[in-house]
Amino acid sequence: MAHNFNKIYAPFGRLNPKDKLCSTEKPNRSWVPLFYTSNMKMLASEKLDGTSIGIAWDGERISFVGHTEGKPVAKELIPYLEENFGTKQFESVIESVFGETVVTLYGEMLHKNVGSHQYGFPEGKFIGYDICNAEGKYYNRTAVKGILESLGIEYPHEELMTIKEAIDFVSTRQKSWLDANEPLEGLVLRPQVELYLNNNERVICKVKTCDFCKD
């Protein structure tokens, strides 16, 4: 199974290359869904500042993979992953959920050696946010949350927002929902029901605080 998490686009770009902030007057034409999702209430989850990895289940055993094929997991993270997800006990649990179905659990790995913020977990924490099957299709939100809960994996805080509401929210430099001592890096937005384009790309975007906050 190839491990390539889909690219997440920003809905807007900068009017000029030297501009620090993005502008809603500059739609990102690489992200076509903007033109029919602008007023849609979407699921907005916290974008965490860690490193994205996958816990892969091939129907028999567990392995740890990078966000994209060919990108290995940082060696500093392996001890935490092996201790928490590489055990026979966890293998038995994940087998009870998926059987022989091939899947990858994607999430953000928080650790003192990756990213700029630890969110109170210097020794490691895996926050799950997606489950993808061997055909490259993602599970719906209800299934993802339920499965992750059954596996003892935390899911990020989530609220309903339009893209404009998300921009207004990050523009006020909010604090992280996971750790109020850390800044909010941004939000990841997706429809309440998984949607795909004709090229099989899913409808999903990101709104980063640094792209819209002046301070």
N, C-alpha and C. Protein backbone atom coordinates (compact mmCIF):
# COMPACT_ATOMS: atom_id res chain seq x y z
N MET A 1 0.84 -1.20 0.00
CA MET A 1 0.00 0.00 0.00
C MET A 1 0.87 1.25 0.00
N ALA A 2 0.65 2.15 -0.96
CA ALA A 2 1.40 3.41 -1.00
C ALA A 2 0.84 4.35 0.07
N HIS A 3 1.73 5.08 0.69
CA HIS A 3 1.33 5.98 1.76
C HIS A 3 1.56 7.41 1.32
N ASN A 4 0.53 8.03 0.76
CA ASN A 4 0.63 9.42 0.32
C ASN A 4 -0.61 10.17 0.78
N PHE A 5 -0.48 10.89 1.88
CA PHE A 5 -1.60 11.68 2.38
C PHE A 5 -1.84 12.83 1.41
N ASN A 6 -3.11 13.11 1.15
CA ASN A 6 -3.44 14.13 0.17
C ASN A 6 -2.92 15.51 0.57
N LYS A 7 -2.57 16.32 -0.42
CA LYS A 7 -2.12 17.68 -0.17
C LYS A 7 -3.30 18.52 0.32
N ILE A 8 -3.05 19.35 1.33
CA ILE A 8 -4.08 20.23 1.86
C ILE A 8 -3.75 21.66 1.43
N TYR A 9 -4.63 22.24 0.64
CA TYR A 9 -4.39 23.58 0.10
C TYR A 9 -4.93 24.66 1.03
N ALA A 10 -4.34 25.85 0.93
CA ALA A 10 -4.90 27.05 1.55
C ALA A 10 -5.90 27.65 0.57
N PRO A 11 -7.04 28.14 1.03
CA PRO A 11 -8.06 28.65 0.11
C PRO A 11 -7.70 29.99 -0.54
N PHE A 12 -6.80 30.75 0.09
CA PHE A 12 -6.42 32.05 -0.46
C PHE A 12 -4.90 32.21 -0.48
N GLY A 13 -4.44 33.07 -1.38
CA GLY A 13 -3.02 33.34 -1.49
C GLY A 13 -2.71 34.80 -1.20
N ARG A 14 -1.51 35.24 -1.56
CA ARG A 14 -1.07 36.61 -1.34
C ARG A 14 -1.24 37.42 -2.62
N LEU A 15 -1.69 38.66 -2.47
CA LEU A 15 -1.88 39.52 -3.64
C LEU A 15 -0.55 39.79 -4.33
N ASN A 16 0.51 39.96 -3.53
CA ASN A 16 1.85 40.22 -4.04
C ASN A 16 2.84 39.28 -3.37
N PRO A 17 3.87 38.85 -4.06
CA PRO A 17 4.85 37.92 -3.49
C PRO A 17 5.47 38.39 -2.18
N LYS A 18 5.59 39.71 -1.99
CA LYS A 18 6.24 40.24 -0.80
C LYS A 18 5.27 40.42 0.36
N ASP A 19 3.97 40.22 0.12
CA ASP A 19 2.99 40.37 1.19
C ASP A 19 3.18 39.31 2.26
N LYS A 20 3.03 39.70 3.52
CA LYS A 20 3.16 38.77 4.62
C LYS A 20 1.89 37.94 4.81
N LEU A 21 0.74 38.59 4.59
CA LEU A 21 -0.54 37.94 4.85
C LEU A 21 -1.28 37.56 3.57
N CYS A 22 -2.12 36.55 3.66
CA CYS A 22 -2.98 36.16 2.54
C CYS A 22 -4.17 37.11 2.48
N SER A 23 -4.80 37.16 1.34
CA SER A 23 -5.95 38.05 1.14
C SER A 23 -7.12 37.27 0.57
N THR A 24 -8.32 37.55 1.09
CA THR A 24 -9.52 36.90 0.57
C THR A 24 -9.85 37.42 -0.83
N GLU A 25 -9.12 38.42 -1.27
CA GLU A 25 -9.28 38.92 -2.64
C GLU A 25 -8.43 38.13 -3.64
N LYS A 26 -7.67 37.15 -3.12
CA LYS A 26 -6.79 36.35 -3.98
C LYS A 26 -7.13 34.87 -3.79
N PRO A 27 -8.21 34.38 -4.41
CA PRO A 27 -8.56 32.96 -4.30
C PRO A 27 -7.43 32.08 -4.84
N ASN A 28 -7.18 30.98 -4.17
CA ASN A 28 -6.18 30.03 -4.63
C ASN A 28 -6.83 29.14 -5.70
N ARG A 29 -6.49 29.39 -6.95
CA ARG A 29 -7.14 28.65 -8.04
C ARG A 29 -6.68 27.20 -8.11
N SER A 30 -5.69 26.85 -7.32
CA SER A 30 -5.29 25.44 -7.24
C SER A 30 -6.30 24.64 -6.43
N TRP A 31 -7.10 25.39 -5.62
CA TRP A 31 -8.10 24.72 -4.78
C TRP A 31 -9.50 25.05 -5.31
N VAL A 32 -9.91 24.30 -6.30
CA VAL A 32 -11.18 24.54 -7.00
C VAL A 32 -12.40 24.56 -6.07
N PRO A 33 -12.48 23.71 -5.03
CA PRO A 33 -13.70 23.65 -4.20
C PRO A 33 -14.06 24.97 -3.52
N LEU A 34 -13.13 25.92 -3.44
CA LEU A 34 -13.42 27.20 -2.79
C LEU A 34 -14.69 27.83 -3.37
N PHE A 35 -14.91 27.65 -4.66
CA PHE A 35 -15.99 28.35 -5.33
C PHE A 35 -17.38 27.78 -5.00
N TYR A 36 -17.44 26.61 -4.37
CA TYR A 36 -18.75 26.10 -3.97
C TYR A 36 -18.80 25.69 -2.50
N THR A 37 -17.76 26.04 -1.73
CA THR A 37 -17.78 25.74 -0.29
C THR A 37 -17.71 27.00 0.55
N SER A 38 -17.65 28.16 -0.06
CA SER A 38 -17.44 29.41 0.67
C SER A 38 -18.43 29.61 1.82
N ASN A 39 -19.69 29.27 1.61
CA ASN A 39 -20.72 29.49 2.63
C ASN A 39 -21.13 28.22 3.35
N MET A 40 -20.39 27.16 3.10
CA MET A 40 -20.71 25.86 3.71
C MET A 40 -20.16 25.77 5.14
N LYS A 41 -20.99 25.32 6.06
CA LYS A 41 -20.51 25.03 7.41
C LYS A 41 -19.67 23.76 7.35
N MET A 42 -18.39 23.89 7.69
CA MET A 42 -17.47 22.77 7.58
C MET A 42 -16.94 22.38 8.95
N LEU A 43 -16.41 21.18 9.05
CA LEU A 43 -15.78 20.72 10.28
C LEU A 43 -14.39 21.33 10.36
N ALA A 44 -14.17 22.15 11.39
CA ALA A 44 -12.88 22.82 11.57
C ALA A 44 -12.17 22.22 12.78
N SER A 45 -11.07 21.52 12.51
CA SER A 45 -10.30 20.90 13.60
C SER A 45 -8.96 21.61 13.74
N GLU A 46 -8.39 21.52 14.91
CA GLU A 46 -7.13 22.22 15.16
C GLU A 46 -5.98 21.64 14.35
N LYS A 47 -5.23 22.51 13.71
CA LYS A 47 -4.01 22.12 12.99
C LYS A 47 -2.87 22.19 13.99
N LEU A 48 -2.30 21.04 14.32
CA LEU A 48 -1.26 20.97 15.34
C LEU A 48 0.13 21.08 14.72
N ASP A 49 1.04 21.62 15.51
CA ASP A 49 2.41 21.83 15.04
C ASP A 49 3.30 20.71 15.53
N GLY A 50 3.20 19.57 14.87
CA GLY A 50 4.06 18.43 15.18
C GLY A 50 4.61 17.88 13.88
N THR A 51 4.61 16.56 13.74
CA THR A 51 4.99 15.95 12.47
C THR A 51 3.96 14.89 12.13
N SER A 52 3.51 14.88 10.89
CA SER A 52 2.45 13.96 10.47
C SER A 52 3.02 12.59 10.13
N ILE A 53 2.42 11.55 10.69
CA ILE A 53 2.87 10.18 10.44
C ILE A 53 1.65 9.28 10.28
N GLY A 54 1.90 8.03 9.92
CA GLY A 54 0.84 7.06 9.80
C GLY A 54 1.15 5.77 10.55
N ILE A 55 0.14 5.20 11.16
CA ILE A 55 0.25 3.86 11.75
C ILE A 55 -0.43 2.92 10.77
N ALA A 56 0.34 2.12 10.08
CA ALA A 56 -0.17 1.28 9.01
C ALA A 56 -0.46 -0.14 9.49
N TRP A 57 -1.62 -0.65 9.10
CA TRP A 57 -2.04 -2.02 9.41
C TRP A 57 -2.25 -2.75 8.09
N ASP A 58 -1.47 -3.80 7.84
CA ASP A 58 -1.56 -4.52 6.56
C ASP A 58 -2.42 -5.77 6.64
N GLY A 59 -3.16 -5.89 7.75
CA GLY A 59 -4.00 -7.06 7.95
C GLY A 59 -3.33 -8.13 8.80
N GLU A 60 -2.01 -7.96 9.02
CA GLU A 60 -1.26 -8.92 9.83
C GLU A 60 -0.36 -8.26 10.86
N ARG A 61 0.23 -7.12 10.47
CA ARG A 61 1.17 -6.47 11.38
C ARG A 61 1.12 -4.96 11.23
N ILE A 62 1.70 -4.29 12.21
CA ILE A 62 1.73 -2.83 12.27
C ILE A 62 3.10 -2.31 11.85
N SER A 63 3.11 -1.19 11.14
CA SER A 63 4.35 -0.49 10.82
C SER A 63 4.08 1.00 10.91
N PHE A 64 5.14 1.78 10.94
CA PHE A 64 5.02 3.23 11.07
C PHE A 64 5.58 3.88 9.81
N VAL A 65 4.80 4.77 9.22
CA VAL A 65 5.17 5.35 7.93
C VAL A 65 5.11 6.87 7.99
N GLY A 66 5.84 7.51 7.08
CA GLY A 66 5.80 8.95 6.98
C GLY A 66 4.51 9.42 6.33
N HIS A 67 4.34 10.73 6.28
CA HIS A 67 3.14 11.33 5.71
C HIS A 67 2.99 10.98 4.22
N THR A 68 4.12 10.85 3.56
CA THR A 68 4.13 10.46 2.15
C THR A 68 5.12 9.33 1.95
N GLU A 69 4.92 8.57 0.88
CA GLU A 69 5.79 7.44 0.59
C GLU A 69 7.23 7.92 0.39
N GLY A 70 8.17 7.25 0.99
CA GLY A 70 9.58 7.61 0.85
C GLY A 70 10.07 8.55 1.94
N LYS A 71 9.14 9.04 2.79
CA LYS A 71 9.53 9.91 3.89
C LYS A 71 9.47 9.10 5.18
N PRO A 72 10.61 8.71 5.72
CA PRO A 72 10.60 7.85 6.91
C PRO A 72 10.21 8.61 8.17
N VAL A 73 9.78 7.86 9.17
CA VAL A 73 9.46 8.43 10.47
C VAL A 73 10.77 8.76 11.19
N ALA A 74 10.85 9.93 11.80
CA ALA A 74 12.06 10.35 12.52
C ALA A 74 12.42 9.31 13.58
N LYS A 75 13.68 8.96 13.64
CA LYS A 75 14.12 7.90 14.56
C LYS A 75 13.83 8.25 16.02
N GLU A 76 13.76 9.56 16.33
CA GLU A 76 13.49 9.97 17.71
C GLU A 76 12.09 9.58 18.17
N LEU A 77 11.20 9.31 17.21
CA LEU A 77 9.83 8.99 17.55
C LEU A 77 9.57 7.49 17.70
N ILE A 78 10.46 6.69 17.18
CA ILE A 78 10.25 5.24 17.16
C ILE A 78 10.05 4.63 18.55
N PRO A 79 10.86 5.00 19.56
CA PRO A 79 10.64 4.39 20.88
C PRO A 79 9.22 4.61 21.42
N TYR A 80 8.69 5.83 21.27
CA TYR A 80 7.33 6.11 21.73
C TYR A 80 6.31 5.28 20.94
N LEU A 81 6.48 5.24 19.63
CA LEU A 81 5.53 4.52 18.79
C LEU A 81 5.55 3.02 19.07
N GLU A 82 6.73 2.48 19.22
CA GLU A 82 6.85 1.04 19.51
C GLU A 82 6.22 0.71 20.86
N GLU A 83 6.45 1.56 21.83
CA GLU A 83 5.93 1.31 23.18
C GLU A 83 4.41 1.39 23.23
N ASN A 84 3.84 2.29 22.45
CA ASN A 84 2.39 2.52 22.53
C ASN A 84 1.57 1.81 21.45
N PHE A 85 2.17 1.59 20.28
CA PHE A 85 1.40 1.02 19.17
C PHE A 85 2.06 -0.20 18.51
N GLY A 86 3.24 -0.54 18.97
CA GLY A 86 3.94 -1.68 18.38
C GLY A 86 3.85 -2.94 19.21
N THR A 87 2.97 -2.94 20.19
CA THR A 87 2.85 -4.08 21.09
C THR A 87 1.86 -5.12 20.56
N LYS A 88 1.98 -6.32 21.08
CA LYS A 88 1.04 -7.38 20.73
C LYS A 88 -0.38 -7.01 21.17
N GLN A 89 -0.46 -6.32 22.29
CA GLN A 89 -1.77 -5.93 22.80
C GLN A 89 -2.46 -4.98 21.84
N PHE A 90 -1.75 -3.95 21.35
CA PHE A 90 -2.37 -3.01 20.42
C PHE A 90 -2.66 -3.70 19.09
N GLU A 91 -1.78 -4.58 18.68
CA GLU A 91 -2.00 -5.32 17.43
C GLU A 91 -3.28 -6.14 17.52
N SER A 92 -3.53 -6.71 18.69
CA SER A 92 -4.75 -7.50 18.88
C SER A 92 -5.99 -6.61 18.82
N VAL A 93 -5.87 -5.40 19.38
CA VAL A 93 -7.00 -4.47 19.38
C VAL A 93 -7.31 -4.00 17.96
N ILE A 94 -6.27 -3.61 17.23
CA ILE A 94 -6.50 -3.09 15.88
C ILE A 94 -7.01 -4.20 14.95
N GLU A 95 -6.57 -5.44 15.19
CA GLU A 95 -7.07 -6.57 14.40
C GLU A 95 -8.55 -6.81 14.69
N SER A 96 -8.96 -6.61 15.94
CA SER A 96 -10.36 -6.80 16.29
C SER A 96 -11.25 -5.76 15.62
N VAL A 97 -10.68 -4.59 15.30
CA VAL A 97 -11.44 -3.52 14.65
C VAL A 97 -11.47 -3.69 13.13
N PHE A 98 -10.30 -3.96 12.53
CA PHE A 98 -10.20 -3.97 11.07
C PHE A 98 -10.07 -5.36 10.44
N GLY A 99 -9.77 -6.37 11.24
CA GLY A 99 -9.56 -7.69 10.67
C GLY A 99 -8.42 -7.67 9.67
N GLU A 100 -8.68 -8.16 8.45
CA GLU A 100 -7.64 -8.19 7.41
C GLU A 100 -7.69 -6.96 6.50
N THR A 101 -8.55 -6.00 6.82
CA THR A 101 -8.66 -4.78 6.01
C THR A 101 -7.41 -3.92 6.17
N VAL A 102 -6.82 -3.54 5.05
CA VAL A 102 -5.60 -2.73 5.07
C VAL A 102 -5.96 -1.26 5.26
N VAL A 103 -5.40 -0.63 6.27
CA VAL A 103 -5.69 0.78 6.55
C VAL A 103 -4.44 1.49 7.08
N THR A 104 -4.48 2.81 7.01
CA THR A 104 -3.46 3.63 7.66
C THR A 104 -4.15 4.66 8.52
N LEU A 105 -3.75 4.74 9.78
CA LEU A 105 -4.26 5.76 10.69
C LEU A 105 -3.30 6.94 10.62
N TYR A 106 -3.78 8.07 10.13
CA TYR A 106 -2.93 9.25 10.03
C TYR A 106 -3.15 10.16 11.24
N GLY A 107 -2.08 10.81 11.66
CA GLY A 107 -2.20 11.72 12.79
C GLY A 107 -0.97 12.57 12.96
N GLU A 108 -1.03 13.43 13.97
CA GLU A 108 0.07 14.33 14.26
C GLU A 108 0.82 13.81 15.47
N MET A 109 2.13 13.66 15.30
CA MET A 109 2.98 13.19 16.39
C MET A 109 3.61 14.40 17.07
N LEU A 110 3.32 14.54 18.37
CA LEU A 110 3.87 15.62 19.17
C LEU A 110 5.04 15.08 19.99
N HIS A 111 6.13 15.80 20.00
CA HIS A 111 7.33 15.33 20.71
C HIS A 111 8.31 16.49 20.83
N LYS A 112 9.12 16.46 21.85
CA LYS A 112 10.08 17.56 22.08
C LYS A 112 11.09 17.70 20.95
N ASN A 113 11.27 16.66 20.15
CA ASN A 113 12.26 16.71 19.07
C ASN A 113 11.67 17.05 17.70
N VAL A 114 10.34 17.29 17.65
CA VAL A 114 9.72 17.65 16.36
C VAL A 114 8.77 18.83 16.57
N GLY A 115 8.66 19.70 15.57
CA GLY A 115 7.77 20.83 15.66
C GLY A 115 8.26 21.87 16.65
N SER A 116 7.53 22.97 16.71
CA SER A 116 7.91 24.08 17.59
C SER A 116 7.22 24.01 18.94
N HIS A 117 6.15 23.22 19.03
CA HIS A 117 5.35 23.18 20.26
C HIS A 117 5.11 21.73 20.68
N GLN A 118 5.10 21.53 22.00
CA GLN A 118 4.93 20.18 22.53
C GLN A 118 3.54 19.94 23.08
N TYR A 119 2.77 21.00 23.33
CA TYR A 119 1.41 20.90 23.84
C TYR A 119 1.33 20.10 25.13
N GLY A 120 2.38 20.18 25.94
CA GLY A 120 2.38 19.48 27.23
C GLY A 120 2.77 18.02 27.14
N PHE A 121 3.26 17.57 25.98
CA PHE A 121 3.64 16.16 25.81
C PHE A 121 5.08 16.06 25.28
N PRO A 122 6.06 16.45 26.09
CA PRO A 122 7.46 16.43 25.61
C PRO A 122 7.96 15.04 25.25
N GLU A 123 7.41 14.01 25.89
CA GLU A 123 7.88 12.65 25.63
C GLU A 123 7.06 11.94 24.56
N GLY A 124 6.06 12.63 24.03
CA GLY A 124 5.33 12.05 22.91
C GLY A 124 3.83 11.95 23.11
N LYS A 125 3.09 12.17 22.00
CA LYS A 125 1.64 12.03 21.97
C LYS A 125 1.21 11.92 20.51
N PHE A 126 0.39 10.94 20.20
CA PHE A 126 -0.13 10.78 18.85
C PHE A 126 -1.59 11.20 18.84
N ILE A 127 -1.92 12.22 18.03
CA ILE A 127 -3.29 12.70 17.88
C ILE A 127 -3.78 12.27 16.50
N GLY A 128 -4.76 11.39 16.44
CA GLY A 128 -5.23 10.88 15.15
C GLY A 128 -6.24 11.80 14.50
N TYR A 129 -6.23 11.86 13.16
CA TYR A 129 -7.22 12.69 12.48
C TYR A 129 -7.80 12.08 11.20
N ASP A 130 -7.25 10.98 10.70
CA ASP A 130 -7.78 10.39 9.48
C ASP A 130 -7.49 8.89 9.43
N ILE A 131 -8.35 8.17 8.71
CA ILE A 131 -8.14 6.75 8.44
C ILE A 131 -8.38 6.55 6.95
N CYS A 132 -7.41 5.94 6.28
CA CYS A 132 -7.48 5.75 4.84
C CYS A 132 -7.34 4.27 4.50
N ASN A 133 -8.13 3.78 3.54
CA ASN A 133 -8.04 2.38 3.15
C ASN A 133 -7.05 2.19 2.00
N ALA A 134 -6.90 0.96 1.55
CA ALA A 134 -5.91 0.64 0.52
C ALA A 134 -6.23 1.28 -0.83
N GLU A 135 -7.48 1.67 -1.03
CA GLU A 135 -7.90 2.29 -2.29
C GLU A 135 -7.75 3.81 -2.26
N GLY A 136 -7.25 4.33 -1.15
CA GLY A 136 -7.07 5.78 -1.04
C GLY A 136 -8.31 6.54 -0.63
N LYS A 137 -9.33 5.85 -0.14
CA LYS A 137 -10.54 6.51 0.32
C LYS A 137 -10.49 6.68 1.84
N TYR A 138 -10.98 7.85 2.29
CA TYR A 138 -10.93 8.16 3.71
C TYR A 138 -12.26 7.85 4.38
N TYR A 139 -12.17 7.39 5.62
CA TYR A 139 -13.37 7.09 6.40
C TYR A 139 -14.08 8.39 6.77
N ASN A 140 -15.41 8.32 6.95
CA ASN A 140 -16.14 9.52 7.34
C ASN A 140 -15.82 9.88 8.79
N ARG A 141 -16.16 11.12 9.15
CA ARG A 141 -15.78 11.65 10.47
C ARG A 141 -16.34 10.82 11.63
N THR A 142 -17.59 10.41 11.51
CA THR A 142 -18.19 9.64 12.60
C THR A 142 -17.42 8.34 12.82
N ALA A 143 -17.08 7.66 11.72
CA ALA A 143 -16.33 6.41 11.82
C ALA A 143 -14.93 6.66 12.38
N VAL A 144 -14.26 7.71 11.91
CA VAL A 144 -12.91 8.01 12.38
C VAL A 144 -12.90 8.23 13.89
N LYS A 145 -13.81 9.07 14.36
CA LYS A 145 -13.85 9.37 15.80
C LYS A 145 -14.15 8.12 16.62
N GLY A 146 -15.10 7.31 16.17
CA GLY A 146 -15.46 6.11 16.90
C GLY A 146 -14.34 5.09 16.94
N ILE A 147 -13.68 4.90 15.80
CA ILE A 147 -12.59 3.93 15.73
C ILE A 147 -11.40 4.38 16.56
N LEU A 148 -11.03 5.66 16.44
CA LEU A 148 -9.90 6.15 17.22
C LEU A 148 -10.18 6.03 18.72
N GLU A 149 -11.40 6.32 19.10
CA GLU A 149 -11.76 6.19 20.52
C GLU A 149 -11.61 4.74 20.99
N SER A 150 -12.05 3.80 20.15
CA SER A 150 -11.94 2.39 20.52
C SER A 150 -10.49 1.93 20.62
N LEU A 151 -9.60 2.65 19.91
CA LEU A 151 -8.18 2.32 19.94
C LEU A 151 -7.42 3.11 20.99
N GLY A 152 -8.13 3.98 21.70
CA GLY A 152 -7.48 4.78 22.73
C GLY A 152 -6.65 5.92 22.17
N ILE A 153 -7.01 6.41 20.97
CA ILE A 153 -6.27 7.49 20.32
C ILE A 153 -7.13 8.75 20.32
N GLU A 154 -6.54 9.85 20.76
CA GLU A 154 -7.27 11.11 20.85
C GLU A 154 -7.48 11.73 19.47
N TYR A 155 -8.63 12.41 19.32
CA TYR A 155 -8.98 13.13 18.09
C TYR A 155 -8.97 14.62 18.42
N PRO A 156 -8.51 15.49 17.51
CA PRO A 156 -8.44 16.92 17.83
C PRO A 156 -9.81 17.56 18.01
N HIS A 157 -9.83 18.64 18.78
CA HIS A 157 -11.06 19.41 18.98
C HIS A 157 -11.58 19.91 17.64
N GLU A 158 -12.91 19.96 17.53
CA GLU A 158 -13.52 20.29 16.24
C GLU A 158 -14.77 21.14 16.45
N GLU A 159 -14.97 22.13 15.56
CA GLU A 159 -16.16 22.95 15.58
C GLU A 159 -16.65 23.18 14.16
N LEU A 160 -17.90 23.65 14.04
CA LEU A 160 -18.45 23.95 12.72
C LEU A 160 -18.20 25.41 12.37
N MET A 161 -17.62 25.65 11.20
CA MET A 161 -17.33 27.01 10.75
C MET A 161 -17.37 27.07 9.22
N THR A 162 -17.70 28.26 8.70
CA THR A 162 -17.47 28.51 7.29
C THR A 162 -16.01 28.91 7.13
N ILE A 163 -15.52 28.97 5.91
CA ILE A 163 -14.14 29.39 5.69
C ILE A 163 -13.93 30.80 6.22
N LYS A 164 -14.89 31.70 6.00
CA LYS A 164 -14.77 33.08 6.50
C LYS A 164 -14.71 33.09 8.02
N GLU A 165 -15.56 32.31 8.66
CA GLU A 165 -15.56 32.25 10.13
C GLU A 165 -14.22 31.72 10.65
N ALA A 166 -13.64 30.76 9.94
CA ALA A 166 -12.34 30.21 10.33
C ALA A 166 -11.26 31.28 10.22
N ILE A 167 -11.30 32.07 9.15
CA ILE A 167 -10.33 33.15 8.97
C ILE A 167 -10.48 34.19 10.07
N ASP A 168 -11.71 34.57 10.37
CA ASP A 168 -11.96 35.53 11.45
C ASP A 168 -11.46 34.99 12.78
N PHE A 169 -11.63 33.69 12.99
CA PHE A 169 -11.23 33.06 14.25
C PHE A 169 -9.71 33.09 14.42
N VAL A 170 -8.97 32.65 13.42
CA VAL A 170 -7.51 32.63 13.56
C VAL A 170 -6.91 34.03 13.56
N SER A 171 -7.62 34.99 12.96
CA SER A 171 -7.12 36.36 12.89
C SER A 171 -7.00 37.01 14.26
N THR A 172 -7.72 36.46 15.25
CA THR A 172 -7.67 37.02 16.60
C THR A 172 -6.59 36.34 17.45
N ARG A 173 -5.75 35.54 16.80
CA ARG A 173 -4.65 34.82 17.47
C ARG A 173 -5.15 34.06 18.70
N GLN A 174 -5.95 33.06 18.43
CA GLN A 174 -6.49 32.22 19.48
C GLN A 174 -5.41 31.30 20.07
N LYS A 175 -5.72 30.74 21.22
CA LYS A 175 -4.86 29.75 21.85
C LYS A 175 -5.28 28.34 21.40
N SER A 176 -4.35 27.42 21.52
CA SER A 176 -4.62 26.02 21.16
C SER A 176 -5.72 25.45 22.03
N TRP A 177 -6.60 24.64 21.42
CA TRP A 177 -7.61 23.94 22.19
C TRP A 177 -6.98 22.79 22.99
N LEU A 178 -5.89 22.26 22.49
CA LEU A 178 -5.23 21.14 23.17
C LEU A 178 -4.44 21.61 24.38
N ASP A 179 -3.81 22.77 24.26
CA ASP A 179 -2.99 23.31 25.34
C ASP A 179 -3.09 24.83 25.30
N ALA A 180 -3.80 25.40 26.28
CA ALA A 180 -4.04 26.85 26.31
C ALA A 180 -2.77 27.67 26.47
N ASN A 181 -1.65 27.02 26.77
CA ASN A 181 -0.38 27.74 26.88
C ASN A 181 0.32 27.88 25.53
N GLU A 182 -0.24 27.25 24.51
CA GLU A 182 0.36 27.30 23.17
C GLU A 182 -0.55 28.06 22.20
N PRO A 183 0.03 28.70 21.19
CA PRO A 183 -0.80 29.40 20.20
C PRO A 183 -1.49 28.42 19.27
N LEU A 184 -2.57 28.86 18.68
CA LEU A 184 -3.28 28.06 17.68
C LEU A 184 -2.56 28.20 16.34
N GLU A 185 -2.03 27.11 15.81
CA GLU A 185 -1.33 27.19 14.53
C GLU A 185 -2.29 27.45 13.38
N GLY A 186 -3.49 26.89 13.49
CA GLY A 186 -4.47 27.07 12.42
C GLY A 186 -5.57 26.05 12.52
N LEU A 187 -6.37 25.97 11.45
CA LEU A 187 -7.50 25.06 11.38
C LEU A 187 -7.48 24.28 10.07
N VAL A 188 -7.94 23.06 10.13
CA VAL A 188 -8.14 22.24 8.93
C VAL A 188 -9.64 22.07 8.75
N LEU A 189 -10.13 22.44 7.57
CA LEU A 189 -11.58 22.39 7.32
C LEU A 189 -11.92 21.36 6.26
N ARG A 190 -13.01 20.66 6.50
CA ARG A 190 -13.51 19.67 5.53
C ARG A 190 -15.03 19.62 5.65
N PRO A 191 -15.73 19.23 4.58
CA PRO A 191 -17.20 19.11 4.64
C PRO A 191 -17.61 18.08 5.69
N GLN A 192 -18.84 18.20 6.17
CA GLN A 192 -19.32 17.26 7.17
C GLN A 192 -19.49 15.86 6.59
N VAL A 193 -19.61 15.77 5.26
CA VAL A 193 -19.62 14.50 4.55
C VAL A 193 -18.44 14.52 3.58
N GLU A 194 -17.64 13.45 3.56
CA GLU A 194 -16.47 13.42 2.68
C GLU A 194 -16.87 13.65 1.22
N LEU A 195 -16.20 14.61 0.58
CA LEU A 195 -16.44 14.90 -0.83
C LEU A 195 -15.15 14.78 -1.61
N TYR A 196 -15.26 14.35 -2.88
CA TYR A 196 -14.09 14.16 -3.73
C TYR A 196 -14.30 14.87 -5.06
N LEU A 197 -13.20 15.36 -5.63
CA LEU A 197 -13.24 15.96 -6.96
C LEU A 197 -13.16 14.85 -8.01
N ASN A 198 -13.31 15.22 -9.27
CA ASN A 198 -13.25 14.24 -10.35
C ASN A 198 -11.88 13.57 -10.45
N ASN A 199 -10.84 14.27 -10.00
CA ASN A 199 -9.49 13.69 -10.03
C ASN A 199 -9.19 12.86 -8.79
N ASN A 200 -10.20 12.61 -7.97
CA ASN A 200 -10.12 11.77 -6.78
C ASN A 200 -9.49 12.47 -5.58
N GLU A 201 -9.20 13.77 -5.70
CA GLU A 201 -8.71 14.53 -4.55
C GLU A 201 -9.89 14.86 -3.65
N ARG A 202 -9.66 14.79 -2.35
CA ARG A 202 -10.74 15.10 -1.42
C ARG A 202 -10.85 16.61 -1.20
N VAL A 203 -12.02 17.03 -0.77
CA VAL A 203 -12.26 18.44 -0.48
C VAL A 203 -11.83 18.71 0.96
N ILE A 204 -10.74 19.45 1.12
CA ILE A 204 -10.17 19.76 2.43
C ILE A 204 -9.23 20.94 2.27
N CYS A 205 -9.19 21.83 3.25
CA CYS A 205 -8.30 22.98 3.15
C CYS A 205 -7.78 23.37 4.54
N LYS A 206 -6.81 24.28 4.58
CA LYS A 206 -6.24 24.73 5.84
C LYS A 206 -6.22 26.25 5.90
N VAL A 207 -6.46 26.76 7.09
CA VAL A 207 -6.39 28.20 7.35
C VAL A 207 -5.38 28.39 8.48
N LYS A 208 -4.23 28.97 8.17
CA LYS A 208 -3.15 29.11 9.15
C LYS A 208 -3.18 30.50 9.79
N THR A 209 -2.93 30.52 11.07
CA THR A 209 -2.93 31.79 11.82
C THR A 209 -1.94 32.78 11.22
N CYS A 210 -0.74 32.32 10.87
CA CYS A 210 0.30 33.22 10.37
C CYS A 210 -0.06 33.84 9.02
N ASP A 211 -1.05 33.28 8.33
CA ASP A 211 -1.45 33.82 7.02
C ASP A 211 -2.48 34.95 7.15
N PHE A 212 -3.10 35.07 8.34
CA PHE A 212 -4.19 36.06 8.47
C PHE A 212 -4.09 36.95 9.71
N CYS A 213 -3.19 36.63 10.62
CA CYS A 213 -3.08 37.42 11.85
C CYS A 213 -1.98 38.47 11.70
N LYS A 214 -2.32 39.74 11.92
CA LYS A 214 -1.38 40.82 11.71
C LYS A 214 -0.34 40.93 12.80
N ASP A 215 -0.70 40.52 14.02
CA ASP A 215 0.23 40.69 15.15
C ASP A 215 1.29 39.61 15.18
